[in-house]
Amino acid sequence: MNKKTTNQMKGYKQVKIEQRVTMHKYVEVFVNVPTSVSEYDVEDWMWEEKSDDISDKIQNALDKVQYEDGSGFYEYEGLEDLEDIETRFQVGDYGGHTYNY
């Protein structure tokens, strides 16, 4: 970190001021999963069969969106863990956290 100080004036205390700004991006991508794959097996099927495609789709989508203010924490249903990257899947009424592609 670059430490810059101003000249301390006689009779004054020097005060350091720090600020951290949090920004985030949010995207949704969709993949087709064969109907023969049960909802409970979707997560593993995607990881085994489509992980490269999903990674590419997510990265392409992220490249196209702007950063938004704040952490995004509590702004998106189910994305409420304090992680650098948080990924969920949803198929019908079933879903949850999944691999970070």
PDB file of N, CA and C in Angstrom:
ATOM      1  N   MET A   1       0.836  -1.166   0.000  1.00  0.00           N
ATOM      2  CA  MET A   1       0.000   0.000   0.000  1.00  0.00           C
ATOM      3  C   MET A   1       0.886   1.235   0.000  1.00  0.00           C
ATOM      4  N   ASN A   2       0.483   2.219  -0.738  1.00  0.00           N
ATOM      5  CA  ASN A   2       1.229   3.456  -0.860  1.00  0.00           C
ATOM      6  C   ASN A   2       0.935   4.349   0.343  1.00  0.00           C
ATOM      7  N   LYS A   3       1.929   4.626   1.166  1.00  0.00           N
ATOM      8  CA  LYS A   3       1.730   5.481   2.338  1.00  0.00           C
ATOM      9  C   LYS A   3       2.175   6.895   1.998  1.00  0.00           C
ATOM     10  N   LYS A   4       1.211   7.781   1.933  1.00  0.00           N
ATOM     11  CA  LYS A   4       1.518   9.181   1.696  1.00  0.00           C
ATOM     12  C   LYS A   4       1.054   9.960   2.905  1.00  0.00           C
ATOM     13  N   THR A   5       1.876  10.869   3.338  1.00  0.00           N
ATOM     14  CA  THR A   5       1.490  11.714   4.455  1.00  0.00           C
ATOM     15  C   THR A   5       1.537  13.154   3.996  1.00  0.00           C
ATOM     16  N   THR A   6       0.743  13.950   4.646  1.00  0.00           N
ATOM     17  CA  THR A   6       0.826  15.385   4.390  1.00  0.00           C
ATOM     18  C   THR A   6       1.773  15.980   5.420  1.00  0.00           C
ATOM     19  N   ASN A   7       2.211  17.153   5.166  1.00  0.00           N
ATOM     20  CA  ASN A   7       3.097  17.806   6.132  1.00  0.00           C
ATOM     21  C   ASN A   7       2.316  18.101   7.400  1.00  0.00           C
ATOM     22  N   GLN A   8       2.856  17.620   8.518  1.00  0.00           N
ATOM     23  CA  GLN A   8       2.190  17.864   9.790  1.00  0.00           C
ATOM     24  C   GLN A   8       2.510  19.282  10.230  1.00  0.00           C
ATOM     25  N   MET A   9       1.456  20.017  10.454  1.00  0.00           N
ATOM     26  CA  MET A   9       1.630  21.408  10.849  1.00  0.00           C
ATOM     27  C   MET A   9       1.871  21.490  12.347  1.00  0.00           C
ATOM     28  N   LYS A  10       2.700  22.404  12.735  1.00  0.00           N
ATOM     29  CA  LYS A  10       2.998  22.599  14.155  1.00  0.00           C
ATOM     30  C   LYS A  10       1.709  22.943  14.890  1.00  0.00           C
ATOM     31  N   GLY A  11       1.482  22.240  15.994  1.00  0.00           N
ATOM     32  CA  GLY A  11       0.288  22.478  16.787  1.00  0.00           C
ATOM     33  C   GLY A  11      -0.914  21.661  16.329  1.00  0.00           C
ATOM     34  N   TYR A  12      -0.708  20.776  15.338  1.00  0.00           N
ATOM     35  CA  TYR A  12      -1.796  19.940  14.833  1.00  0.00           C
ATOM     36  C   TYR A  12      -1.402  18.473  14.918  1.00  0.00           C
ATOM     37  N   LYS A  13      -2.387  17.610  15.053  1.00  0.00           N
ATOM     38  CA  LYS A  13      -2.176  16.175  14.970  1.00  0.00           C
ATOM     39  C   LYS A  13      -2.478  15.738  13.544  1.00  0.00           C
ATOM     40  N   GLN A  14      -1.743  14.758  13.092  1.00  0.00           N
ATOM     41  CA  GLN A  14      -2.016  14.231  11.769  1.00  0.00           C
ATOM     42  C   GLN A  14      -2.952  13.028  11.903  1.00  0.00           C
ATOM     43  N   VAL A  15      -4.025  13.033  11.143  1.00  0.00           N
ATOM     44  CA  VAL A  15      -5.033  11.987  11.206  1.00  0.00           C
ATOM     45  C   VAL A  15      -5.054  11.261   9.871  1.00  0.00           C
ATOM     46  N   LYS A  16      -4.979   9.941   9.948  1.00  0.00           N
ATOM     47  CA  LYS A  16      -5.066   9.131   8.729  1.00  0.00           C
ATOM     48  C   LYS A  16      -6.529   8.806   8.488  1.00  0.00           C
ATOM     49  N   ILE A  17      -6.990   8.947   7.246  1.00  0.00           N
ATOM     50  CA  ILE A  17      -8.356   8.626   6.859  1.00  0.00           C
ATOM     51  C   ILE A  17      -8.297   7.489   5.851  1.00  0.00           C
ATOM     52  N   GLU A  18      -9.059   6.430   6.112  1.00  0.00           N
ATOM     53  CA  GLU A  18      -9.080   5.267   5.226  1.00  0.00           C
ATOM     54  C   GLU A  18     -10.510   5.025   4.758  1.00  0.00           C
ATOM     55  N   GLN A  19     -10.627   4.471   3.559  1.00  0.00           N
ATOM     56  CA  GLN A  19     -11.944   4.128   3.030  1.00  0.00           C
ATOM     57  C   GLN A  19     -11.827   2.889   2.159  1.00  0.00           C
ATOM     58  N   ARG A  20     -12.772   1.973   2.339  1.00  0.00           N
ATOM     59  CA  ARG A  20     -12.851   0.806   1.464  1.00  0.00           C
ATOM     60  C   ARG A  20     -14.201   0.854   0.783  1.00  0.00           C
ATOM     61  N   VAL A  21     -14.201   0.720  -0.542  1.00  0.00           N
ATOM     62  CA  VAL A  21     -15.431   0.738  -1.320  1.00  0.00           C
ATOM     63  C   VAL A  21     -15.648  -0.655  -1.888  1.00  0.00           C
ATOM     64  N   THR A  22     -16.809  -1.199  -1.644  1.00  0.00           N
ATOM     65  CA  THR A  22     -17.129  -2.537  -2.118  1.00  0.00           C
ATOM     66  C   THR A  22     -18.040  -2.434  -3.326  1.00  0.00           C
ATOM     67  N   MET A  23     -17.691  -3.168  -4.357  1.00  0.00           N
ATOM     68  CA  MET A  23     -18.480  -3.219  -5.585  1.00  0.00           C
ATOM     69  C   MET A  23     -18.708  -4.685  -5.927  1.00  0.00           C
ATOM     70  N   HIS A  24     -19.741  -4.967  -6.688  1.00  0.00           N
ATOM     71  CA  HIS A  24     -20.012  -6.348  -7.079  1.00  0.00           C
ATOM     72  C   HIS A  24     -20.640  -6.398  -8.463  1.00  0.00           C
ATOM     73  N   LYS A  25     -20.619  -7.586  -9.037  1.00  0.00           N
ATOM     74  CA  LYS A  25     -21.323  -7.867 -10.283  1.00  0.00           C
ATOM     75  C   LYS A  25     -22.250  -9.047 -10.029  1.00  0.00           C
ATOM     76  N   TYR A  26     -23.367  -9.067 -10.739  1.00  0.00           N
ATOM     77  CA  TYR A  26     -24.330 -10.149 -10.610  1.00  0.00           C
ATOM     78  C   TYR A  26     -24.778 -10.554 -12.008  1.00  0.00           C
ATOM     79  N   VAL A  27     -24.761 -11.839 -12.291  1.00  0.00           N
ATOM     80  CA  VAL A  27     -25.240 -12.340 -13.583  1.00  0.00           C
ATOM     81  C   VAL A  27     -26.051 -13.608 -13.369  1.00  0.00           C
ATOM     82  N   GLU A  28     -26.889 -13.896 -14.333  1.00  0.00           N
ATOM     83  CA  GLU A  28     -27.606 -15.161 -14.412  1.00  0.00           C
ATOM     84  C   GLU A  28     -27.324 -15.749 -15.785  1.00  0.00           C
ATOM     85  N   VAL A  29     -26.998 -17.014 -15.845  1.00  0.00           N
ATOM     86  CA  VAL A  29     -26.838 -17.724 -17.114  1.00  0.00           C
ATOM     87  C   VAL A  29     -27.679 -18.990 -17.040  1.00  0.00           C
ATOM     88  N   PHE A  30     -28.009 -19.537 -18.192  1.00  0.00           N
ATOM     89  CA  PHE A  30     -28.863 -20.717 -18.253  1.00  0.00           C
ATOM     90  C   PHE A  30     -28.191 -21.795 -19.085  1.00  0.00           C
ATOM     91  N   VAL A  31     -28.360 -23.038 -18.682  1.00  0.00           N
ATOM     92  CA  VAL A  31     -27.870 -24.183 -19.444  1.00  0.00           C
ATOM     93  C   VAL A  31     -29.011 -25.186 -19.577  1.00  0.00           C
ATOM     94  N   ASN A  32     -28.980 -25.931 -20.661  1.00  0.00           N
ATOM     95  CA  ASN A  32     -29.963 -26.987 -20.872  1.00  0.00           C
ATOM     96  C   ASN A  32     -29.433 -28.287 -20.298  1.00  0.00           C
ATOM     97  N   VAL A  33     -30.280 -28.944 -19.516  1.00  0.00           N
ATOM     98  CA  VAL A  33     -29.943 -30.215 -18.889  1.00  0.00           C
ATOM     99  C   VAL A  33     -30.981 -31.226 -19.378  1.00  0.00           C
ATOM    100  N   PRO A  34     -30.533 -32.400 -19.806  1.00  0.00           N
ATOM    101  CA  PRO A  34     -31.492 -33.406 -20.276  1.00  0.00           C
ATOM    102  C   PRO A  34     -32.552 -33.716 -19.219  1.00  0.00           C
ATOM    103  N   THR A  35     -33.775 -33.923 -19.662  1.00  0.00           N
ATOM    104  CA  THR A  35     -34.855 -34.237 -18.731  1.00  0.00           C
ATOM    105  C   THR A  35     -34.623 -35.565 -18.015  1.00  0.00           C
ATOM    106  N   SER A  36     -33.762 -36.395 -18.564  1.00  0.00           N
ATOM    107  CA  SER A  36     -33.461 -37.680 -17.919  1.00  0.00           C
ATOM    108  C   SER A  36     -32.619 -37.518 -16.647  1.00  0.00           C
ATOM    109  N   VAL A  37     -32.042 -36.327 -16.442  1.00  0.00           N
ATOM    110  CA  VAL A  37     -31.244 -36.059 -15.237  1.00  0.00           C
ATOM    111  C   VAL A  37     -32.192 -35.542 -14.150  1.00  0.00           C
ATOM    112  N   SER A  38     -32.243 -36.235 -13.019  1.00  0.00           N
ATOM    113  CA  SER A  38     -33.143 -35.812 -11.941  1.00  0.00           C
ATOM    114  C   SER A  38     -32.664 -34.480 -11.357  1.00  0.00           C
ATOM    115  N   GLU A  39     -33.603 -33.758 -10.747  1.00  0.00           N
ATOM    116  CA  GLU A  39     -33.262 -32.474 -10.141  1.00  0.00           C
ATOM    117  C   GLU A  39     -32.121 -32.617  -9.139  1.00  0.00           C
ATOM    118  N   TYR A  40     -32.103 -33.742  -8.441  1.00  0.00           N
ATOM    119  CA  TYR A  40     -31.092 -33.958  -7.403  1.00  0.00           C
ATOM    120  C   TYR A  40     -29.716 -34.305  -7.976  1.00  0.00           C
ATOM    121  N   ASP A  41     -29.668 -34.666  -9.259  1.00  0.00           N
ATOM    122  CA  ASP A  41     -28.403 -34.997  -9.919  1.00  0.00           C
ATOM    123  C   ASP A  41     -27.900 -33.883 -10.832  1.00  0.00           C
ATOM    124  N   VAL A  42     -28.679 -32.819 -10.966  1.00  0.00           N
ATOM    125  CA  VAL A  42     -28.333 -31.725 -11.886  1.00  0.00           C
ATOM    126  C   VAL A  42     -26.978 -31.123 -11.554  1.00  0.00           C
ATOM    127  N   GLU A  43     -26.730 -30.857 -10.290  1.00  0.00           N
ATOM    128  CA  GLU A  43     -25.476 -30.203  -9.892  1.00  0.00           C
ATOM    129  C   GLU A  43     -24.272 -31.024 -10.343  1.00  0.00           C
ATOM    130  N   ASP A  44     -24.265 -32.307 -10.058  1.00  0.00           N
ATOM    131  CA  ASP A  44     -23.141 -33.162 -10.464  1.00  0.00           C
ATOM    132  C   ASP A  44     -23.057 -33.280 -11.981  1.00  0.00           C
ATOM    133  N   TRP A  45     -24.195 -33.405 -12.651  1.00  0.00           N
ATOM    134  CA  TRP A  45     -24.193 -33.507 -14.107  1.00  0.00           C
ATOM    135  C   TRP A  45     -23.572 -32.255 -14.729  1.00  0.00           C
ATOM    136  N   MET A  46     -23.976 -31.082 -14.239  1.00  0.00           N
ATOM    137  CA  MET A  46     -23.421 -29.832 -14.782  1.00  0.00           C
ATOM    138  C   MET A  46     -21.914 -29.788 -14.575  1.00  0.00           C
ATOM    139  N   TRP A  47     -21.439 -30.177 -13.396  1.00  0.00           N
ATOM    140  CA  TRP A  47     -20.007 -30.139 -13.108  1.00  0.00           C
ATOM    141  C   TRP A  47     -19.244 -31.086 -14.031  1.00  0.00           C
ATOM    142  N   GLU A  48     -19.783 -32.284 -14.234  1.00  0.00           N
ATOM    143  CA  GLU A  48     -19.095 -33.296 -15.044  1.00  0.00           C
ATOM    144  C   GLU A  48     -19.198 -33.027 -16.548  1.00  0.00           C
ATOM    145  N   GLU A  49     -20.334 -32.502 -16.987  1.00  0.00           N
ATOM    146  CA  GLU A  49     -20.592 -32.394 -18.431  1.00  0.00           C
ATOM    147  C   GLU A  49     -20.479 -30.978 -18.986  1.00  0.00           C
ATOM    148  N   LYS A  50     -20.686 -29.969 -18.179  1.00  0.00           N
ATOM    149  CA  LYS A  50     -20.822 -28.611 -18.703  1.00  0.00           C
ATOM    150  C   LYS A  50     -19.966 -27.569 -17.999  1.00  0.00           C
ATOM    151  N   SER A  51     -19.032 -27.975 -17.148  1.00  0.00           N
ATOM    152  CA  SER A  51     -18.326 -26.977 -16.335  1.00  0.00           C
ATOM    153  C   SER A  51     -17.588 -25.949 -17.188  1.00  0.00           C
ATOM    154  N   ASP A  52     -16.950 -26.374 -18.280  1.00  0.00           N
ATOM    155  CA  ASP A  52     -16.255 -25.411 -19.146  1.00  0.00           C
ATOM    156  C   ASP A  52     -17.237 -24.450 -19.803  1.00  0.00           C
ATOM    157  N   ASP A  53     -18.360 -24.981 -20.295  1.00  0.00           N
ATOM    158  CA  ASP A  53     -19.379 -24.130 -20.918  1.00  0.00           C
ATOM    159  C   ASP A  53     -19.946 -23.130 -19.919  1.00  0.00           C
ATOM    160  N   ILE A  54     -20.215 -23.607 -18.719  1.00  0.00           N
ATOM    161  CA  ILE A  54     -20.771 -22.720 -17.691  1.00  0.00           C
ATOM    162  C   ILE A  54     -19.755 -21.650 -17.319  1.00  0.00           C
ATOM    163  N   SER A  55     -18.496 -22.030 -17.154  1.00  0.00           N
ATOM    164  CA  SER A  55     -17.444 -21.050 -16.842  1.00  0.00           C
ATOM    165  C   SER A  55     -17.372 -19.976 -17.912  1.00  0.00           C
ATOM    166  N   ASP A  56     -17.406 -20.395 -19.176  1.00  0.00           N
ATOM    167  CA  ASP A  56     -17.351 -19.436 -20.288  1.00  0.00           C
ATOM    168  C   ASP A  56     -18.574 -18.522 -20.286  1.00  0.00           C
ATOM    169  N   LYS A  57     -19.753 -19.091 -20.089  1.00  0.00           N
ATOM    170  CA  LYS A  57     -20.976 -18.285 -20.077  1.00  0.00           C
ATOM    171  C   LYS A  57     -20.936 -17.257 -18.949  1.00  0.00           C
ATOM    172  N   ILE A  58     -20.511 -17.697 -17.772  1.00  0.00           N
ATOM    173  CA  ILE A  58     -20.446 -16.772 -16.640  1.00  0.00           C
ATOM    174  C   ILE A  58     -19.434 -15.664 -16.916  1.00  0.00           C
ATOM    175  N   GLN A  59     -18.255 -16.025 -17.397  1.00  0.00           N
ATOM    176  CA  GLN A  59     -17.230 -15.008 -17.655  1.00  0.00           C
ATOM    177  C   GLN A  59     -17.677 -14.027 -18.734  1.00  0.00           C
ATOM    178  N   ASN A  60     -18.284 -14.521 -19.803  1.00  0.00           N
ATOM    179  CA  ASN A  60     -18.787 -13.631 -20.861  1.00  0.00           C
ATOM    180  C   ASN A  60     -19.854 -12.689 -20.324  1.00  0.00           C
ATOM    181  N   ALA A  61     -20.745 -13.209 -19.490  1.00  0.00           N
ATOM    182  CA  ALA A  61     -21.791 -12.369 -18.906  1.00  0.00           C
ATOM    183  C   ALA A  61     -21.189 -11.328 -17.963  1.00  0.00           C
ATOM    184  N   LEU A  62     -20.225 -11.735 -17.145  1.00  0.00           N
ATOM    185  CA  LEU A  62     -19.584 -10.791 -16.222  1.00  0.00           C
ATOM    186  C   LEU A  62     -18.849  -9.683 -16.970  1.00  0.00           C
ATOM    187  N   ASP A  63     -18.251 -10.039 -18.101  1.00  0.00           N
ATOM    188  CA  ASP A  63     -17.532  -9.040 -18.903  1.00  0.00           C
ATOM    189  C   ASP A  63     -18.464  -7.962 -19.438  1.00  0.00           C
ATOM    190  N   LYS A  64     -19.744  -8.266 -19.566  1.00  0.00           N
ATOM    191  CA  LYS A  64     -20.706  -7.339 -20.181  1.00  0.00           C
ATOM    192  C   LYS A  64     -21.451  -6.464 -19.184  1.00  0.00           C
ATOM    193  N   VAL A  65     -21.391  -6.789 -17.902  1.00  0.00           N
ATOM    194  CA  VAL A  65     -22.140  -5.995 -16.923  1.00  0.00           C
ATOM    195  C   VAL A  65     -21.214  -5.055 -16.163  1.00  0.00           C
ATOM    196  N   GLN A  66     -21.800  -3.989 -15.674  1.00  0.00           N
ATOM    197  CA  GLN A  66     -21.065  -2.993 -14.903  1.00  0.00           C
ATOM    198  C   GLN A  66     -21.054  -3.387 -13.429  1.00  0.00           C
ATOM    199  N   TYR A  67     -20.073  -2.886 -12.720  1.00  0.00           N
ATOM    200  CA  TYR A  67     -20.056  -3.062 -11.274  1.00  0.00           C
ATOM    201  C   TYR A  67     -21.218  -2.290 -10.662  1.00  0.00           C
ATOM    202  N   GLU A  68     -21.773  -2.837  -9.598  1.00  0.00           N
ATOM    203  CA  GLU A  68     -22.830  -2.176  -8.848  1.00  0.00           C
ATOM    204  C   GLU A  68     -22.288  -1.829  -7.467  1.00  0.00           C
ATOM    205  N   ASP A  69     -22.851  -0.792  -6.878  1.00  0.00           N
ATOM    206  CA  ASP A  69     -22.423  -0.381  -5.541  1.00  0.00           C
ATOM    207  C   ASP A  69     -22.768  -1.436  -4.513  1.00  0.00           C
ATOM    208  N   GLY A  70     -21.956  -1.531  -3.495  1.00  0.00           N
ATOM    209  CA  GLY A  70     -22.223  -2.405  -2.367  1.00  0.00           C
ATOM    210  C   GLY A  70     -21.752  -3.825  -2.594  1.00  0.00           C
ATOM    211  N   SER A  71     -21.983  -4.634  -1.591  1.00  0.00           N
ATOM    212  CA  SER A  71     -21.510  -6.016  -1.620  1.00  0.00           C
ATOM    213  C   SER A  71     -22.475  -6.945  -2.342  1.00  0.00           C
ATOM    214  N   GLY A  72     -23.728  -6.545  -2.479  1.00  0.00           N
ATOM    215  CA  GLY A  72     -24.740  -7.422  -3.042  1.00  0.00           C
ATOM    216  C   GLY A  72     -25.285  -8.391  -2.021  1.00  0.00           C
ATOM    217  N   PHE A  73     -24.746  -8.337  -0.833  1.00  0.00           N
ATOM    218  CA  PHE A  73     -25.161  -9.214   0.259  1.00  0.00           C
ATOM    219  C   PHE A  73     -26.621  -8.929   0.582  1.00  0.00           C
ATOM    220  N   TYR A  74     -27.434  -9.944   0.590  1.00  0.00           N
ATOM    221  CA  TYR A  74     -28.877  -9.875   0.849  1.00  0.00           C
ATOM    222  C   TYR A  74     -29.676  -9.262  -0.297  1.00  0.00           C
ATOM    223  N   GLU A  75     -29.051  -8.905  -1.400  1.00  0.00           N
ATOM    224  CA  GLU A  75     -29.802  -8.337  -2.521  1.00  0.00           C
ATOM    225  C   GLU A  75     -30.365  -9.412  -3.437  1.00  0.00           C
ATOM    226  N   TYR A  76     -29.803 -10.615  -3.379  1.00  0.00           N
ATOM    227  CA  TYR A  76     -30.214 -11.689  -4.268  1.00  0.00           C
ATOM    228  C   TYR A  76     -30.548 -12.908  -3.414  1.00  0.00           C
ATOM    229  N   GLU A  77     -31.762 -13.410  -3.565  1.00  0.00           N
ATOM    230  CA  GLU A  77     -32.228 -14.520  -2.736  1.00  0.00           C
ATOM    231  C   GLU A  77     -31.274 -15.708  -2.810  1.00  0.00           C
ATOM    232  N   GLY A  78     -30.836 -16.174  -1.656  1.00  0.00           N
ATOM    233  CA  GLY A  78     -29.956 -17.331  -1.582  1.00  0.00           C
ATOM    234  C   GLY A  78     -28.481 -17.025  -1.682  1.00  0.00           C
ATOM    235  N   LEU A  79     -28.135 -15.834  -2.114  1.00  0.00           N
ATOM    236  CA  LEU A  79     -26.715 -15.448  -2.214  1.00  0.00           C
ATOM    237  C   LEU A  79     -26.387 -14.575  -1.008  1.00  0.00           C
ATOM    238  N   GLU A  80     -26.199 -15.230   0.126  1.00  0.00           N
ATOM    239  CA  GLU A  80     -26.055 -14.498   1.375  1.00  0.00           C
ATOM    240  C   GLU A  80     -24.860 -14.955   2.193  1.00  0.00           C
ATOM    241  N   ASP A  81     -23.919 -15.667   1.574  1.00  0.00           N
ATOM    242  CA  ASP A  81     -22.692 -16.063   2.270  1.00  0.00           C
ATOM    243  C   ASP A  81     -21.641 -14.985   2.048  1.00  0.00           C
ATOM    244  N   LEU A  82     -20.813 -14.774   3.026  1.00  0.00           N
ATOM    245  CA  LEU A  82     -19.742 -13.781   2.879  1.00  0.00           C
ATOM    246  C   LEU A  82     -18.541 -14.441   2.206  1.00  0.00           C
ATOM    247  N   GLU A  83     -18.649 -14.652   0.930  1.00  0.00           N
ATOM    248  CA  GLU A  83     -17.594 -15.264   0.136  1.00  0.00           C
ATOM    249  C   GLU A  83     -17.194 -14.297  -0.969  1.00  0.00           C
ATOM    250  N   ASP A  84     -15.982 -14.451  -1.484  1.00  0.00           N
ATOM    251  CA  ASP A  84     -15.562 -13.618  -2.609  1.00  0.00           C
ATOM    252  C   ASP A  84     -16.399 -13.910  -3.848  1.00  0.00           C
ATOM    253  N   ILE A  85     -16.698 -15.186  -4.059  1.00  0.00           N
ATOM    254  CA  ILE A  85     -17.542 -15.620  -5.173  1.00  0.00           C
ATOM    255  C   ILE A  85     -18.570 -16.584  -4.605  1.00  0.00           C
ATOM    256  N   GLU A  86     -19.820 -16.377  -4.956  1.00  0.00           N
ATOM    257  CA  GLU A  86     -20.885 -17.255  -4.485  1.00  0.00           C
ATOM    258  C   GLU A  86     -21.735 -17.657  -5.674  1.00  0.00           C
ATOM    259  N   THR A  87     -21.963 -18.952  -5.834  1.00  0.00           N
ATOM    260  CA  THR A  87     -22.677 -19.466  -6.990  1.00  0.00           C
ATOM    261  C   THR A  87     -23.798 -20.386  -6.541  1.00  0.00           C
ATOM    262  N   ARG A  88     -24.965 -20.214  -7.136  1.00  0.00           N
ATOM    263  CA  ARG A  88     -26.140 -21.046  -6.856  1.00  0.00           C
ATOM    264  C   ARG A  88     -26.680 -21.600  -8.162  1.00  0.00           C
ATOM    265  N   PHE A  89     -27.452 -22.675  -8.049  1.00  0.00           N
ATOM    266  CA  PHE A  89     -28.216 -23.171  -9.186  1.00  0.00           C
ATOM    267  C   PHE A  89     -29.653 -23.359  -8.735  1.00  0.00           C
ATOM    268  N   GLN A  90     -30.559 -23.329  -9.677  1.00  0.00           N
ATOM    269  CA  GLN A  90     -31.971 -23.520  -9.366  1.00  0.00           C
ATOM    270  C   GLN A  90     -32.608 -24.254 -10.529  1.00  0.00           C
ATOM    271  N   VAL A  91     -33.289 -25.349 -10.225  1.00  0.00           N
ATOM    272  CA  VAL A  91     -34.067 -26.087 -11.227  1.00  0.00           C
ATOM    273  C   VAL A  91     -35.404 -26.414 -10.577  1.00  0.00           C
ATOM    274  N   GLY A  92     -36.463 -25.825 -11.092  1.00  0.00           N
ATOM    275  CA  GLY A  92     -37.762 -25.987 -10.450  1.00  0.00           C
ATOM    276  C   GLY A  92     -37.708 -25.427  -9.047  1.00  0.00           C
ATOM    277  N   ASP A  93     -38.202 -26.191  -8.094  1.00  0.00           N
ATOM    278  CA  ASP A  93     -38.184 -25.762  -6.697  1.00  0.00           C
ATOM    279  C   ASP A  93     -36.932 -26.193  -5.963  1.00  0.00           C
ATOM    280  N   TYR A  94     -36.037 -26.886  -6.664  1.00  0.00           N
ATOM    281  CA  TYR A  94     -34.820 -27.428  -6.047  1.00  0.00           C
ATOM    282  C   TYR A  94     -33.610 -26.596  -6.461  1.00  0.00           C
ATOM    283  N   GLY A  95     -32.724 -26.352  -5.520  1.00  0.00           N
ATOM    284  CA  GLY A  95     -31.508 -25.608  -5.830  1.00  0.00           C
ATOM    285  C   GLY A  95     -30.674 -25.413  -4.590  1.00  0.00           C
ATOM    286  N   GLY A  96     -29.560 -24.753  -4.777  1.00  0.00           N
ATOM    287  CA  GLY A  96     -28.678 -24.467  -3.654  1.00  0.00           C
ATOM    288  C   GLY A  96     -27.332 -23.964  -4.127  1.00  0.00           C
ATOM    289  N   HIS A  97     -26.415 -23.833  -3.203  1.00  0.00           N
ATOM    290  CA  HIS A  97     -25.069 -23.416  -3.554  1.00  0.00           C
ATOM    291  C   HIS A  97     -24.407 -24.525  -4.353  1.00  0.00           C
ATOM    292  N   THR A  98     -23.534 -24.128  -5.243  1.00  0.00           N
ATOM    293  CA  THR A  98     -22.851 -25.096  -6.089  1.00  0.00           C
ATOM    294  C   THR A  98     -21.408 -24.663  -6.285  1.00  0.00           C
ATOM    295  N   TYR A  99     -20.717 -25.401  -7.124  1.00  0.00           N
ATOM    296  CA  TYR A  99     -19.316 -25.118  -7.423  1.00  0.00           C
ATOM    297  C   TYR A  99     -19.175 -23.708  -7.996  1.00  0.00           C
ATOM    298  N   ASN A 100     -18.075 -23.040  -7.687  1.00  0.00           N
ATOM    299  CA  ASN A 100     -17.767 -21.769  -8.329  1.00  0.00           C
ATOM    300  C   ASN A 100     -17.068 -22.071  -9.634  1.00  0.00           C
ATOM    301  N   TYR A 101     -17.778 -21.890 -10.725  1.00  0.00           N
ATOM    302  CA  TYR A 101     -17.262 -22.218 -12.055  1.00  0.00           C
ATOM    303  C   TYR A 101     -16.233 -21.221 -12.512  1.00  0.00           C
TER     304      TYR A 101
END
